[in-house]
């Protein structure tokens, strides 16, 4: 009777260890995938931020050019 109980305890512990190892491997893979996804999104965000700054700079230049053109004698007539 005692040996059957011990066998059940050892079997349960072994199955639990196996399940926890598989869960750990799965979560490690998911973590790596999420890290990669976040890194790619961060790179995209930096790219769009740079594009936005470039567009803002270009917009400023065009506004200044337009102001200068409006002050020119052509527009005063």
PDB file of N, CA and C in Angstrom:
ATOM      1  N   UNK A   1       0.821  -1.189   0.000  1.00  0.00           N
ATOM      2  CA  UNK A   1       0.000   0.000   0.000  1.00  0.00           C
ATOM      3  C   UNK A   1       0.873   1.265   0.000  1.00  0.00           C
ATOM      4  N   UNK A   2       1.901   1.264   0.825  1.00  0.00           N
ATOM      5  CA  UNK A   2       2.797   2.418   0.908  1.00  0.00           C
ATOM      6  C   UNK A   2       3.539   2.604  -0.409  1.00  0.00           C
ATOM      7  N   UNK A   3       3.951   1.506  -1.029  1.00  0.00           N
ATOM      8  CA  UNK A   3       4.687   1.621  -2.287  1.00  0.00           C
ATOM      9  C   UNK A   3       3.795   2.168  -3.407  1.00  0.00           C
ATOM     10  N   UNK A   4       2.528   1.825  -3.418  1.00  0.00           N
ATOM     11  CA  UNK A   4       1.598   2.356  -4.423  1.00  0.00           C
ATOM     12  C   UNK A   4       1.421   3.861  -4.212  1.00  0.00           C
ATOM     13  N   UNK A   5       1.279   4.275  -2.945  1.00  0.00           N
ATOM     14  CA  UNK A   5       1.155   5.692  -2.628  1.00  0.00           C
ATOM     15  C   UNK A   5       2.410   6.438  -3.076  1.00  0.00           C
ATOM     16  N   UNK A   6       3.584   5.901  -2.792  1.00  0.00           N
ATOM     17  CA  UNK A   6       4.842   6.533  -3.193  1.00  0.00           C
ATOM     18  C   UNK A   6       4.943   6.622  -4.714  1.00  0.00           C
ATOM     19  N   UNK A   7       4.524   5.580  -5.400  1.00  0.00           N
ATOM     20  CA  UNK A   7       4.537   5.575  -6.866  1.00  0.00           C
ATOM     21  C   UNK A   7       3.615   6.665  -7.423  1.00  0.00           C
ATOM     22  N   UNK A   8       2.448   6.831  -6.826  1.00  0.00           N
ATOM     23  CA  UNK A   8       1.511   7.878  -7.265  1.00  0.00           C
ATOM     24  C   UNK A   8       2.112   9.262  -7.033  1.00  0.00           C
ATOM     25  N   UNK A   9       2.737   9.473  -5.897  1.00  0.00           N
ATOM     26  CA  UNK A   9       3.355  10.771  -5.588  1.00  0.00           C
ATOM     27  C   UNK A   9       4.483  11.072  -6.577  1.00  0.00           C
ATOM     28  N   UNK A  10       5.340  10.106  -6.832  1.00  0.00           N
ATOM     29  CA  UNK A  10       6.460  10.305  -7.752  1.00  0.00           C
ATOM     30  C   UNK A  10       5.951  10.541  -9.172  1.00  0.00           C
ATOM     31  N   UNK A  11       4.954   9.792  -9.589  1.00  0.00           N
ATOM     32  CA  UNK A  11       4.378   9.968 -10.928  1.00  0.00           C
ATOM     33  C   UNK A  11       3.758  11.355 -11.062  1.00  0.00           C
ATOM     34  N   UNK A  12       3.031  11.783 -10.048  1.00  0.00           N
ATOM     35  CA  UNK A  12       2.412  13.112 -10.067  1.00  0.00           C
ATOM     36  C   UNK A  12       3.481  14.195 -10.157  1.00  0.00           C
ATOM     37  N   UNK A  13       4.536  14.075  -9.391  1.00  0.00           N
ATOM     38  CA  UNK A  13       5.616  15.071  -9.421  1.00  0.00           C
ATOM     39  C   UNK A  13       6.287  15.098 -10.796  1.00  0.00           C
ATOM     40  N   UNK A  14       6.493  13.941 -11.391  1.00  0.00           N
ATOM     41  CA  UNK A  14       7.126  13.861 -12.712  1.00  0.00           C
ATOM     42  C   UNK A  14       6.243  14.514 -13.779  1.00  0.00           C
ATOM     43  N   UNK A  15       4.957  14.226 -13.745  1.00  0.00           N
ATOM     44  CA  UNK A  15       4.025  14.817 -14.718  1.00  0.00           C
ATOM     45  C   UNK A  15       3.964  16.329 -14.530  1.00  0.00           C
ATOM     46  N   UNK A  16       3.934  16.771 -13.278  1.00  0.00           N
ATOM     47  CA  UNK A  16       3.899  18.205 -12.994  1.00  0.00           C
ATOM     48  C   UNK A  16       5.160  18.897 -13.511  1.00  0.00           C
ATOM     49  N   UNK A  17       6.312  18.280 -13.307  1.00  0.00           N
ATOM     50  CA  UNK A  17       7.569  18.838 -13.797  1.00  0.00           C
ATOM     51  C   UNK A  17       7.551  18.929 -15.322  1.00  0.00           C
ATOM     52  N   UNK A  18       7.075  17.888 -15.989  1.00  0.00           N
ATOM     53  CA  UNK A  18       6.990  17.881 -17.451  1.00  0.00           C
ATOM     54  C   UNK A  18       6.087  19.006 -17.949  1.00  0.00           C
ATOM     55  N   UNK A  19       4.938  19.163 -17.324  1.00  0.00           N
ATOM     56  CA  UNK A  19       3.994  20.211 -17.729  1.00  0.00           C
ATOM     57  C   UNK A  19       4.601  21.596 -17.514  1.00  0.00           C
ATOM     58  N   UNK A  20       5.251  21.806 -16.378  1.00  0.00           N
ATOM     59  CA  UNK A  20       5.860  23.108 -16.094  1.00  0.00           C
ATOM     60  C   UNK A  20       6.997  23.428 -17.072  1.00  0.00           C
ATOM     61  N   UNK A  21       7.777  22.412 -17.470  1.00  0.00           N
ATOM     62  CA  UNK A  21       8.843  22.644 -18.445  1.00  0.00           C
ATOM     63  C   UNK A  21       8.266  23.042 -19.799  1.00  0.00           C
ATOM     64  N   UNK A  22       7.194  22.377 -20.224  1.00  0.00           N
ATOM     65  CA  UNK A  22       6.553  22.721 -21.495  1.00  0.00           C
ATOM     66  C   UNK A  22       5.954  24.131 -21.427  1.00  0.00           C
ATOM     67  N   UNK A  23       5.367  24.462 -20.302  1.00  0.00           N
ATOM     68  CA  UNK A  23       4.797  25.801 -20.121  1.00  0.00           C
ATOM     69  C   UNK A  23       5.906  26.853 -20.178  1.00  0.00           C
ATOM     70  N   UNK A  24       7.040  26.584 -19.552  1.00  0.00           N
ATOM     71  CA  UNK A  24       8.174  27.497 -19.563  1.00  0.00           C
ATOM     72  C   UNK A  24       8.691  27.700 -20.991  1.00  0.00           C
ATOM     73  N   UNK A  25       8.844  26.622 -21.742  1.00  0.00           N
ATOM     74  CA  UNK A  25       9.308  26.722 -23.134  1.00  0.00           C
ATOM     75  C   UNK A  25       8.334  27.537 -23.975  1.00  0.00           C
ATOM     76  N   UNK A  26       7.042  27.297 -23.793  1.00  0.00           N
ATOM     77  CA  UNK A  26       6.024  28.037 -24.540  1.00  0.00           C
ATOM     78  C   UNK A  26       6.087  29.528 -24.211  1.00  0.00           C
ATOM     79  N   UNK A  27       6.138  29.853 -22.916  1.00  0.00           N
ATOM     80  CA  UNK A  27       6.176  31.252 -22.512  1.00  0.00           C
ATOM     81  C   UNK A  27       7.465  31.939 -22.951  1.00  0.00           C
ATOM     82  N   UNK A  28       8.555  31.202 -22.953  1.00  0.00           N
ATOM     83  CA  UNK A  28       9.824  31.766 -23.419  1.00  0.00           C
ATOM     84  C   UNK A  28       9.719  32.115 -24.910  1.00  0.00           C
ATOM     85  N   UNK A  29       9.121  31.239 -25.690  1.00  0.00           N
ATOM     86  CA  UNK A  29       8.914  31.501 -27.118  1.00  0.00           C
ATOM     87  C   UNK A  29       7.996  32.686 -27.345  1.00  0.00           C
ATOM     88  N   UNK A  30       6.915  32.752 -26.588  1.00  0.00           N
ATOM     89  CA  UNK A  30       5.981  33.872 -26.706  1.00  0.00           C
ATOM     90  C   UNK A  30       6.659  35.182 -26.310  1.00  0.00           C
ATOM     91  N   UNK A  31       7.473  35.134 -25.273  1.00  0.00           N
ATOM     92  CA  UNK A  31       8.189  36.328 -24.822  1.00  0.00           C
ATOM     93  C   UNK A  31       9.144  36.817 -25.903  1.00  0.00           C
ATOM     94  N   UNK A  32       9.856  35.900 -26.534  1.00  0.00           N
ATOM     95  CA  UNK A  32      10.772  36.268 -27.608  1.00  0.00           C
ATOM     96  C   UNK A  32      10.012  36.873 -28.783  1.00  0.00           C
ATOM     97  N   UNK A  33       8.877  36.289 -29.118  1.00  0.00           N
ATOM     98  CA  UNK A  33       8.070  36.806 -30.220  1.00  0.00           C
ATOM     99  C   UNK A  33       7.555  38.206 -29.911  1.00  0.00           C
ATOM    100  N   UNK A  34       7.102  38.431 -28.698  1.00  0.00           N
ATOM    101  CA  UNK A  34       6.608  39.753 -28.320  1.00  0.00           C
ATOM    102  C   UNK A  34       7.741  40.776 -28.296  1.00  0.00           C
ATOM    103  N   UNK A  35       8.915  40.358 -27.845  1.00  0.00           N
ATOM    104  CA  UNK A  35      10.059  41.263 -27.832  1.00  0.00           C
ATOM    105  C   UNK A  35      10.410  41.677 -29.251  1.00  0.00           C
ATOM    106  N   UNK A  36      10.440  40.722 -30.177  1.00  0.00           N
ATOM    107  CA  UNK A  36      10.733  41.018 -31.577  1.00  0.00           C
ATOM    108  C   UNK A  36       9.669  41.949 -32.160  1.00  0.00           C
ATOM    109  N   UNK A  37       8.399  41.671 -31.874  1.00  0.00           N
ATOM    110  CA  UNK A  37       7.304  42.499 -32.365  1.00  0.00           C
ATOM    111  C   UNK A  37       7.438  43.933 -31.848  1.00  0.00           C
ATOM    112  N   UNK A  38       7.730  44.072 -30.554  1.00  0.00           N
ATOM    113  CA  UNK A  38       7.881  45.400 -29.968  1.00  0.00           C
ATOM    114  C   UNK A  38       9.061  46.143 -30.568  1.00  0.00           C
ATOM    115  N   UNK A  39      10.155  45.441 -30.813  1.00  0.00           N
ATOM    116  CA  UNK A  39      11.325  46.080 -31.421  1.00  0.00           C
ATOM    117  C   UNK A  39      11.014  46.578 -32.826  1.00  0.00           C
ATOM    118  N   UNK A  40      10.299  45.786 -33.620  1.00  0.00           N
ATOM    119  CA  UNK A  40       9.967  46.220 -34.977  1.00  0.00           C
ATOM    120  C   UNK A  40       9.020  47.415 -34.938  1.00  0.00           C
ATOM    121  N   UNK A  41       8.069  47.406 -34.032  1.00  0.00           N
ATOM    122  CA  UNK A  41       7.146  48.541 -33.913  1.00  0.00           C
ATOM    123  C   UNK A  41       7.879  49.789 -33.435  1.00  0.00           C
ATOM    124  N   UNK A  42       8.861  49.622 -32.561  1.00  0.00           N
ATOM    125  CA  UNK A  42       9.649  50.756 -32.094  1.00  0.00           C
ATOM    126  C   UNK A  42      10.457  51.356 -33.242  1.00  0.00           C
ATOM    127  N   UNK A  43      11.035  50.511 -34.083  1.00  0.00           N
ATOM    128  CA  UNK A  43      11.771  51.003 -35.249  1.00  0.00           C
ATOM    129  C   UNK A  43      10.849  51.750 -36.197  1.00  0.00           C
ATOM    130  N   UNK A  44       9.645  51.205 -36.425  1.00  0.00           N
ATOM    131  CA  UNK A  44       8.670  51.881 -37.282  1.00  0.00           C
ATOM    132  C   UNK A  44       8.292  53.234 -36.696  1.00  0.00           C
ATOM    133  N   UNK A  45       8.081  53.276 -35.387  1.00  0.00           N
ATOM    134  CA  UNK A  45       7.700  54.516 -34.730  1.00  0.00           C
ATOM    135  C   UNK A  45       8.800  55.568 -34.872  1.00  0.00           C
ATOM    136  N   UNK A  46      10.047  55.162 -34.702  1.00  0.00           N
ATOM    137  CA  UNK A  46      11.163  56.092 -34.858  1.00  0.00           C
ATOM    138  C   UNK A  46      11.246  56.605 -36.288  1.00  0.00           C
ATOM    139  N   UNK A  47      10.996  55.721 -37.259  1.00  0.00           N
ATOM    140  CA  UNK A  47      11.025  56.115 -38.662  1.00  0.00           C
ATOM    141  C   UNK A  47       9.942  57.157 -38.942  1.00  0.00           C
ATOM    142  N   UNK A  48       8.726  56.910 -38.469  1.00  0.00           N
ATOM    143  CA  UNK A  48       7.626  57.855 -38.706  1.00  0.00           C
ATOM    144  C   UNK A  48       7.858  59.166 -37.964  1.00  0.00           C
ATOM    145  N   UNK A  49       8.464  59.093 -36.793  1.00  0.00           N
ATOM    146  CA  UNK A  49       8.787  60.311 -36.056  1.00  0.00           C
ATOM    147  C   UNK A  49       9.783  61.157 -36.836  1.00  0.00           C
ATOM    148  N   UNK A  50      10.793  60.507 -37.402  1.00  0.00           N
ATOM    149  CA  UNK A  50      11.783  61.224 -38.209  1.00  0.00           C
ATOM    150  C   UNK A  50      11.120  61.826 -39.449  1.00  0.00           C
ATOM    151  N   UNK A  51      10.234  61.053 -40.092  1.00  0.00           N
ATOM    152  CA  UNK A  51       9.517  61.577 -41.252  1.00  0.00           C
ATOM    153  C   UNK A  51       8.681  62.794 -40.868  1.00  0.00           C
ATOM    154  N   UNK A  52       8.041  62.737 -39.723  1.00  0.00           N
ATOM    155  CA  UNK A  52       7.228  63.856 -39.244  1.00  0.00           C
ATOM    156  C   UNK A  52       8.071  65.092 -39.007  1.00  0.00           C
ATOM    157  N   UNK A  53       9.249  64.909 -38.415  1.00  0.00           N
ATOM    158  CA  UNK A  53      10.144  66.041 -38.177  1.00  0.00           C
ATOM    159  C   UNK A  53      10.632  66.629 -39.492  1.00  0.00           C
ATOM    160  N   UNK A  54      10.949  65.761 -40.452  1.00  0.00           N
ATOM    161  CA  UNK A  54      11.383  66.238 -41.766  1.00  0.00           C
ATOM    162  C   UNK A  54      10.268  67.025 -42.451  1.00  0.00           C
ATOM    163  N   UNK A  55       9.048  66.527 -42.362  1.00  0.00           N
ATOM    164  CA  UNK A  55       7.917  67.222 -42.963  1.00  0.00           C
ATOM    165  C   UNK A  55       7.653  68.559 -42.268  1.00  0.00           C
ATOM    166  N   UNK A  56       7.815  68.575 -40.959  1.00  0.00           N
ATOM    167  CA  UNK A  56       7.627  69.809 -40.206  1.00  0.00           C
ATOM    168  C   UNK A  56       8.662  70.855 -40.633  1.00  0.00           C
ATOM    169  N   UNK A  57       9.895  70.418 -40.802  1.00  0.00           N
ATOM    170  CA  UNK A  57      10.966  71.301 -41.241  1.00  0.00           C
ATOM    171  C   UNK A  57      10.675  71.844 -42.647  1.00  0.00           C
ATOM    172  N   UNK A  58      10.252  70.969 -43.532  1.00  0.00           N
ATOM    173  CA  UNK A  58       9.925  71.370 -44.895  1.00  0.00           C
ATOM    174  C   UNK A  58       8.746  72.340 -44.898  1.00  0.00           C
ATOM    175  N   UNK A  59       7.775  72.103 -44.048  1.00  0.00           N
ATOM    176  CA  UNK A  59       6.618  72.975 -43.932  1.00  0.00           C
ATOM    177  C   UNK A  59       7.038  74.375 -43.472  1.00  0.00           C
ATOM    178  N   UNK A  60       7.942  74.447 -42.501  1.00  0.00           N
ATOM    179  CA  UNK A  60       8.442  75.746 -42.029  1.00  0.00           C
ATOM    180  C   UNK A  60       9.115  76.509 -43.162  1.00  0.00           C
ATOM    181  N   UNK A  61       9.949  75.804 -43.918  1.00  0.00           N
ATOM    182  CA  UNK A  61      10.650  76.448 -45.031  1.00  0.00           C
ATOM    183  C   UNK A  61       9.668  76.980 -46.069  1.00  0.00           C
ATOM    184  N   UNK A  62       8.645  76.185 -46.378  1.00  0.00           N
ATOM    185  CA  UNK A  62       7.651  76.628 -47.356  1.00  0.00           C
ATOM    186  C   UNK A  62       6.854  77.825 -46.845  1.00  0.00           C
ATOM    187  N   UNK A  63       6.541  77.855 -45.558  1.00  0.00           N
ATOM    188  CA  UNK A  63       5.820  78.989 -44.980  1.00  0.00           C
ATOM    189  C   UNK A  63       6.667  80.259 -45.059  1.00  0.00           C
ATOM    190  N   UNK A  64       7.940  80.128 -44.728  1.00  0.00           N
ATOM    191  CA  UNK A  64       8.835  81.287 -44.802  1.00  0.00           C
ATOM    192  C   UNK A  64       8.956  81.780 -46.242  1.00  0.00           C
ATOM    193  N   UNK A  65       9.073  80.853 -47.159  1.00  0.00           N
ATOM    194  CA  UNK A  65       9.172  81.215 -48.578  1.00  0.00           C
ATOM    195  C   UNK A  65       7.894  81.930 -49.026  1.00  0.00           C
ATOM    196  N   UNK A  66       6.757  81.437 -48.600  1.00  0.00           N
ATOM    197  CA  UNK A  66       5.483  82.046 -48.948  1.00  0.00           C
ATOM    198  C   UNK A  66       5.372  83.451 -48.362  1.00  0.00           C
ATOM    199  N   UNK A  67       5.830  83.642 -47.122  1.00  0.00           N
ATOM    200  CA  UNK A  67       5.810  84.968 -46.501  1.00  0.00           C
ATOM    201  C   UNK A  67       6.675  85.944 -47.285  1.00  0.00           C
ATOM    202  N   UNK A  68       7.845  85.488 -47.705  1.00  0.00           N
ATOM    203  CA  UNK A  68       8.749  86.343 -48.483  1.00  0.00           C
ATOM    204  C   UNK A  68       8.120  86.704 -49.828  1.00  0.00           C
ATOM    205  N   UNK A  69       7.468  85.745 -50.452  1.00  0.00           N
ATOM    206  CA  UNK A  69       6.831  85.996 -51.742  1.00  0.00           C
ATOM    207  C   UNK A  69       5.685  86.988 -51.603  1.00  0.00           C
ATOM    208  N   UNK A  70       4.953  86.919 -50.498  1.00  0.00           N
ATOM    209  CA  UNK A  70       3.832  87.844 -50.280  1.00  0.00           C
ATOM    210  C   UNK A  70       4.330  89.265 -50.048  1.00  0.00           C
ATOM    211  N   UNK A  71       5.537  89.392 -49.502  1.00  0.00           N
ATOM    212  CA  UNK A  71       6.096  90.714 -49.238  1.00  0.00           C
ATOM    213  C   UNK A  71       6.773  91.302 -50.475  1.00  0.00           C
ATOM    214  N   UNK A  72       6.952  90.494 -51.490  1.00  0.00           N
ATOM    215  CA  UNK A  72       7.627  90.976 -52.697  1.00  0.00           C
ATOM    216  C   UNK A  72       6.741  91.968 -53.428  1.00  0.00           C
ATOM    217  N   UNK A  73       7.346  92.830 -54.273  1.00  0.00           N
ATOM    218  CA  UNK A  73       6.592  93.882 -54.993  1.00  0.00           C
ATOM    219  C   UNK A  73       5.516  93.323 -55.911  1.00  0.00           C
ATOM    220  N   UNK A  74       5.624  92.103 -56.348  1.00  0.00           N
ATOM    221  CA  UNK A  74       4.615  91.519 -57.242  1.00  0.00           C
ATOM    222  C   UNK A  74       3.248  91.498 -56.581  1.00  0.00           C
ATOM    223  N   UNK A  75       3.209  91.152 -55.300  1.00  0.00           N
ATOM    224  CA  UNK A  75       1.937  91.048 -54.579  1.00  0.00           C
ATOM    225  C   UNK A  75       1.432  92.405 -54.100  1.00  0.00           C
ATOM    226  N   UNK A  76       2.294  93.405 -54.044  1.00  0.00           N
ATOM    227  CA  UNK A  76       1.878  94.714 -53.551  1.00  0.00           C
ATOM    228  C   UNK A  76       1.069  95.487 -54.564  1.00  0.00           C
ATOM    229  N   UNK A  77       1.125  95.162 -55.850  1.00  0.00           N
ATOM    230  CA  UNK A  77       0.369  95.894 -56.891  1.00  0.00           C
ATOM    231  C   UNK A  77      -1.057  95.495 -56.942  1.00  0.00           C
TER     232      UNK A  77
END
